[in-house]
N, C-alpha and C. Protein backbone atom coordinates (compact mmCIF):
# COMPACT_ATOMS: atom_id res chain seq x y z
N MET A 1 0.84 -1.19 0.00
CA MET A 1 0.00 0.00 0.00
C MET A 1 0.88 1.24 0.00
N GLN A 2 0.28 2.35 -0.35
CA GLN A 2 1.04 3.59 -0.46
C GLN A 2 0.83 4.51 0.73
N TYR A 3 0.44 3.98 1.88
CA TYR A 3 0.18 4.85 3.01
C TYR A 3 1.43 5.55 3.50
N ARG A 4 2.59 5.06 3.13
CA ARG A 4 3.84 5.68 3.56
C ARG A 4 3.96 7.11 3.01
N ALA A 5 3.24 7.41 1.96
CA ALA A 5 3.27 8.74 1.37
C ALA A 5 2.28 9.67 2.07
N ILE A 6 1.51 9.15 3.00
CA ILE A 6 0.51 9.94 3.71
C ILE A 6 1.16 10.58 4.93
N ASP A 7 0.86 11.85 5.13
CA ASP A 7 1.33 12.54 6.33
C ASP A 7 0.44 12.05 7.49
N LEU A 8 1.00 11.22 8.35
CA LEU A 8 0.21 10.60 9.41
C LEU A 8 -0.34 11.61 10.41
N ASN A 9 0.36 12.71 10.62
CA ASN A 9 -0.17 13.75 11.51
C ASN A 9 -1.41 14.40 10.94
N VAL A 10 -1.39 14.67 9.65
CA VAL A 10 -2.56 15.25 8.98
C VAL A 10 -3.72 14.25 8.99
N LEU A 11 -3.42 12.98 8.71
CA LEU A 11 -4.46 11.95 8.72
C LEU A 11 -5.08 11.84 10.11
N LYS A 12 -4.25 11.80 11.13
CA LYS A 12 -4.77 11.68 12.50
C LYS A 12 -5.66 12.87 12.85
N ASP A 13 -5.20 14.08 12.51
CA ASP A 13 -6.02 15.28 12.76
C ASP A 13 -7.35 15.20 12.03
N ALA A 14 -7.33 14.75 10.79
CA ALA A 14 -8.56 14.64 9.99
C ALA A 14 -9.51 13.62 10.60
N ILE A 15 -8.97 12.50 11.04
CA ILE A 15 -9.80 11.46 11.64
C ILE A 15 -10.42 11.96 12.94
N ILE A 16 -9.60 12.56 13.79
CA ILE A 16 -10.10 13.07 15.08
C ILE A 16 -11.16 14.14 14.85
N ASN A 17 -10.92 15.05 13.91
CA ASN A 17 -11.91 16.10 13.61
C ASN A 17 -13.21 15.50 13.10
N THR A 18 -13.12 14.48 12.27
CA THR A 18 -14.32 13.84 11.74
C THR A 18 -15.09 13.16 12.86
N PHE A 19 -14.39 12.46 13.72
CA PHE A 19 -15.05 11.80 14.85
C PHE A 19 -15.70 12.83 15.77
N GLN A 20 -15.02 13.94 16.04
CA GLN A 20 -15.59 15.00 16.89
C GLN A 20 -16.84 15.60 16.24
N TYR A 21 -16.77 15.84 14.94
CA TYR A 21 -17.92 16.39 14.21
C TYR A 21 -19.13 15.47 14.33
N ARG A 22 -18.87 14.16 14.34
CA ARG A 22 -19.95 13.17 14.43
C ARG A 22 -20.27 12.79 15.88
N ASN A 23 -19.69 13.52 16.82
CA ASN A 23 -19.91 13.26 18.24
C ASN A 23 -19.62 11.80 18.61
N THR A 24 -18.52 11.29 18.09
CA THR A 24 -18.10 9.92 18.33
C THR A 24 -16.67 9.95 18.87
N PRO A 25 -16.43 9.24 19.97
CA PRO A 25 -15.06 9.22 20.49
C PRO A 25 -14.12 8.43 19.57
N PHE A 26 -12.91 8.94 19.43
CA PHE A 26 -11.89 8.24 18.64
C PHE A 26 -11.19 7.26 19.57
N ASN A 27 -11.54 5.99 19.43
CA ASN A 27 -11.00 4.96 20.30
C ASN A 27 -10.46 3.83 19.42
N LYS A 28 -9.15 3.72 19.34
CA LYS A 28 -8.52 2.74 18.45
C LYS A 28 -8.96 1.32 18.77
N LYS A 29 -9.08 1.01 20.05
CA LYS A 29 -9.46 -0.34 20.46
C LYS A 29 -10.86 -0.69 19.94
N GLU A 30 -11.79 0.25 20.09
CA GLU A 30 -13.16 0.03 19.61
C GLU A 30 -13.21 -0.07 18.09
N ILE A 31 -12.41 0.74 17.42
CA ILE A 31 -12.36 0.70 15.96
C ILE A 31 -11.87 -0.66 15.49
N LYS A 32 -10.86 -1.19 16.17
CA LYS A 32 -10.32 -2.50 15.79
C LYS A 32 -11.35 -3.61 16.00
N VAL A 33 -12.11 -3.53 17.07
CA VAL A 33 -13.17 -4.51 17.31
C VAL A 33 -14.21 -4.45 16.19
N LEU A 34 -14.59 -3.24 15.84
CA LEU A 34 -15.56 -3.04 14.77
C LEU A 34 -15.03 -3.60 13.44
N LEU A 35 -13.77 -3.31 13.14
CA LEU A 35 -13.16 -3.80 11.90
C LEU A 35 -13.09 -5.32 11.87
N LYS A 36 -12.78 -5.93 13.01
CA LYS A 36 -12.74 -7.39 13.09
C LYS A 36 -14.11 -7.97 12.76
N GLY A 37 -15.15 -7.31 13.27
CA GLY A 37 -16.51 -7.75 12.97
C GLY A 37 -16.84 -7.61 11.50
N MET A 38 -16.41 -6.51 10.91
CA MET A 38 -16.65 -6.29 9.47
C MET A 38 -15.93 -7.33 8.63
N GLU A 39 -14.74 -7.69 9.06
CA GLU A 39 -13.92 -8.64 8.32
C GLU A 39 -14.60 -10.00 8.20
N LEU A 40 -15.41 -10.35 9.18
CA LEU A 40 -16.07 -11.65 9.20
C LEU A 40 -17.52 -11.59 8.72
N ASP A 41 -18.02 -10.40 8.46
CA ASP A 41 -19.42 -10.21 8.09
C ASP A 41 -19.64 -10.48 6.61
N GLU A 42 -20.48 -11.43 6.30
CA GLU A 42 -20.74 -11.80 4.91
C GLU A 42 -21.31 -10.64 4.09
N GLU A 43 -22.13 -9.81 4.73
CA GLU A 43 -22.72 -8.67 4.02
C GLU A 43 -21.64 -7.67 3.60
N PHE A 44 -20.68 -7.41 4.46
CA PHE A 44 -19.58 -6.51 4.10
C PHE A 44 -18.72 -7.12 2.99
N LEU A 45 -18.53 -8.42 3.05
CA LEU A 45 -17.75 -9.07 2.00
C LEU A 45 -18.45 -8.96 0.66
N LYS A 46 -19.77 -9.10 0.65
CA LYS A 46 -20.54 -8.93 -0.59
C LYS A 46 -20.41 -7.49 -1.11
N ARG A 47 -20.49 -6.54 -0.20
CA ARG A 47 -20.34 -5.13 -0.59
C ARG A 47 -18.96 -4.89 -1.19
N TRP A 48 -17.94 -5.50 -0.60
CA TRP A 48 -16.58 -5.34 -1.11
C TRP A 48 -16.48 -5.90 -2.53
N VAL A 49 -17.04 -7.07 -2.76
CA VAL A 49 -17.00 -7.68 -4.08
C VAL A 49 -17.68 -6.76 -5.10
N ASN A 50 -18.81 -6.20 -4.74
CA ASN A 50 -19.50 -5.27 -5.64
C ASN A 50 -18.68 -4.01 -5.87
N TYR A 51 -18.03 -3.51 -4.83
CA TYR A 51 -17.18 -2.33 -4.95
C TYR A 51 -16.02 -2.59 -5.91
N VAL A 52 -15.40 -3.75 -5.78
CA VAL A 52 -14.29 -4.11 -6.65
C VAL A 52 -14.74 -4.19 -8.11
N LYS A 53 -15.92 -4.75 -8.33
CA LYS A 53 -16.45 -4.86 -9.70
C LYS A 53 -16.66 -3.48 -10.33
N LYS A 54 -17.08 -2.51 -9.52
CA LYS A 54 -17.40 -1.18 -10.03
C LYS A 54 -16.17 -0.26 -10.10
N ASN A 55 -15.11 -0.62 -9.44
CA ASN A 55 -13.93 0.23 -9.35
C ASN A 55 -12.69 -0.55 -9.75
N GLN A 56 -12.33 -0.45 -11.01
CA GLN A 56 -11.24 -1.26 -11.56
C GLN A 56 -9.90 -0.97 -10.90
N TYR A 57 -9.70 0.23 -10.37
CA TYR A 57 -8.41 0.56 -9.75
C TYR A 57 -8.12 -0.32 -8.54
N VAL A 58 -9.17 -0.90 -7.96
CA VAL A 58 -8.99 -1.77 -6.79
C VAL A 58 -8.33 -3.08 -7.21
N ASP A 59 -8.57 -3.47 -8.44
CA ASP A 59 -7.99 -4.68 -9.02
C ASP A 59 -8.38 -5.89 -8.20
N SER A 60 -7.42 -6.65 -7.74
CA SER A 60 -7.72 -7.89 -7.01
C SER A 60 -7.46 -7.75 -5.52
N LEU A 61 -7.54 -6.54 -5.01
CA LEU A 61 -7.27 -6.30 -3.60
C LEU A 61 -8.31 -7.01 -2.74
N ASP A 62 -7.83 -7.81 -1.83
CA ASP A 62 -8.69 -8.60 -0.96
C ASP A 62 -9.16 -7.74 0.23
N PHE A 63 -10.39 -7.93 0.64
CA PHE A 63 -10.95 -7.16 1.75
C PHE A 63 -10.11 -7.35 3.01
N LYS A 64 -9.64 -8.55 3.24
CA LYS A 64 -8.80 -8.82 4.41
C LYS A 64 -7.52 -7.98 4.37
N GLU A 65 -6.96 -7.79 3.18
CA GLU A 65 -5.77 -6.96 3.04
C GLU A 65 -6.07 -5.51 3.44
N VAL A 66 -7.23 -5.05 3.07
CA VAL A 66 -7.64 -3.69 3.42
C VAL A 66 -7.72 -3.55 4.93
N ILE A 67 -8.34 -4.51 5.58
CA ILE A 67 -8.48 -4.49 7.03
C ILE A 67 -7.10 -4.50 7.70
N ILE A 68 -6.21 -5.34 7.20
CA ILE A 68 -4.84 -5.41 7.75
C ILE A 68 -4.15 -4.05 7.62
N GLU A 69 -4.28 -3.42 6.47
CA GLU A 69 -3.65 -2.11 6.26
C GLU A 69 -4.23 -1.05 7.19
N ILE A 70 -5.53 -1.11 7.41
CA ILE A 70 -6.16 -0.14 8.32
C ILE A 70 -5.62 -0.35 9.73
N PHE A 71 -5.50 -1.63 10.15
CA PHE A 71 -4.93 -1.93 11.47
C PHE A 71 -3.53 -1.35 11.58
N GLU A 72 -2.72 -1.53 10.56
CA GLU A 72 -1.34 -1.02 10.59
C GLU A 72 -1.32 0.51 10.68
N LEU A 73 -2.23 1.14 9.92
CA LEU A 73 -2.31 2.60 9.98
C LEU A 73 -2.73 3.07 11.36
N LEU A 74 -3.73 2.41 11.94
CA LEU A 74 -4.19 2.78 13.27
C LEU A 74 -3.05 2.70 14.29
N ASP A 75 -2.24 1.67 14.17
CA ASP A 75 -1.12 1.51 15.08
C ASP A 75 -0.10 2.63 14.96
N LYS A 76 -0.03 3.24 13.79
CA LYS A 76 0.92 4.33 13.57
C LYS A 76 0.40 5.68 14.02
N LEU A 77 -0.90 5.78 14.23
CA LEU A 77 -1.51 7.06 14.62
C LEU A 77 -1.37 7.31 16.11
C-alpha cells in the first residue's frame, strides 16, 4: 500500500476532527473490534465484491488486506 506517502499527523487530525464532528469518540481499540466484525461479516464481504467490480483501480485487492492495512495505519496514529 502507499500509506507511507501519507502525512500521518494530517491523517490523525482529519480522523479526530471527523469523529468529533460526528460526536463519536476516537478509540482505536473500539475501531479494531468493529473492523474485526466487518472482516467476518458476509454482508460486508458482498459489498466489497460489488465495490471491486465497479472500481477497476482496486484490481484484485482482498478485503482482508484492506483491514490489515487499516490496522497497521491505526497503530501508527
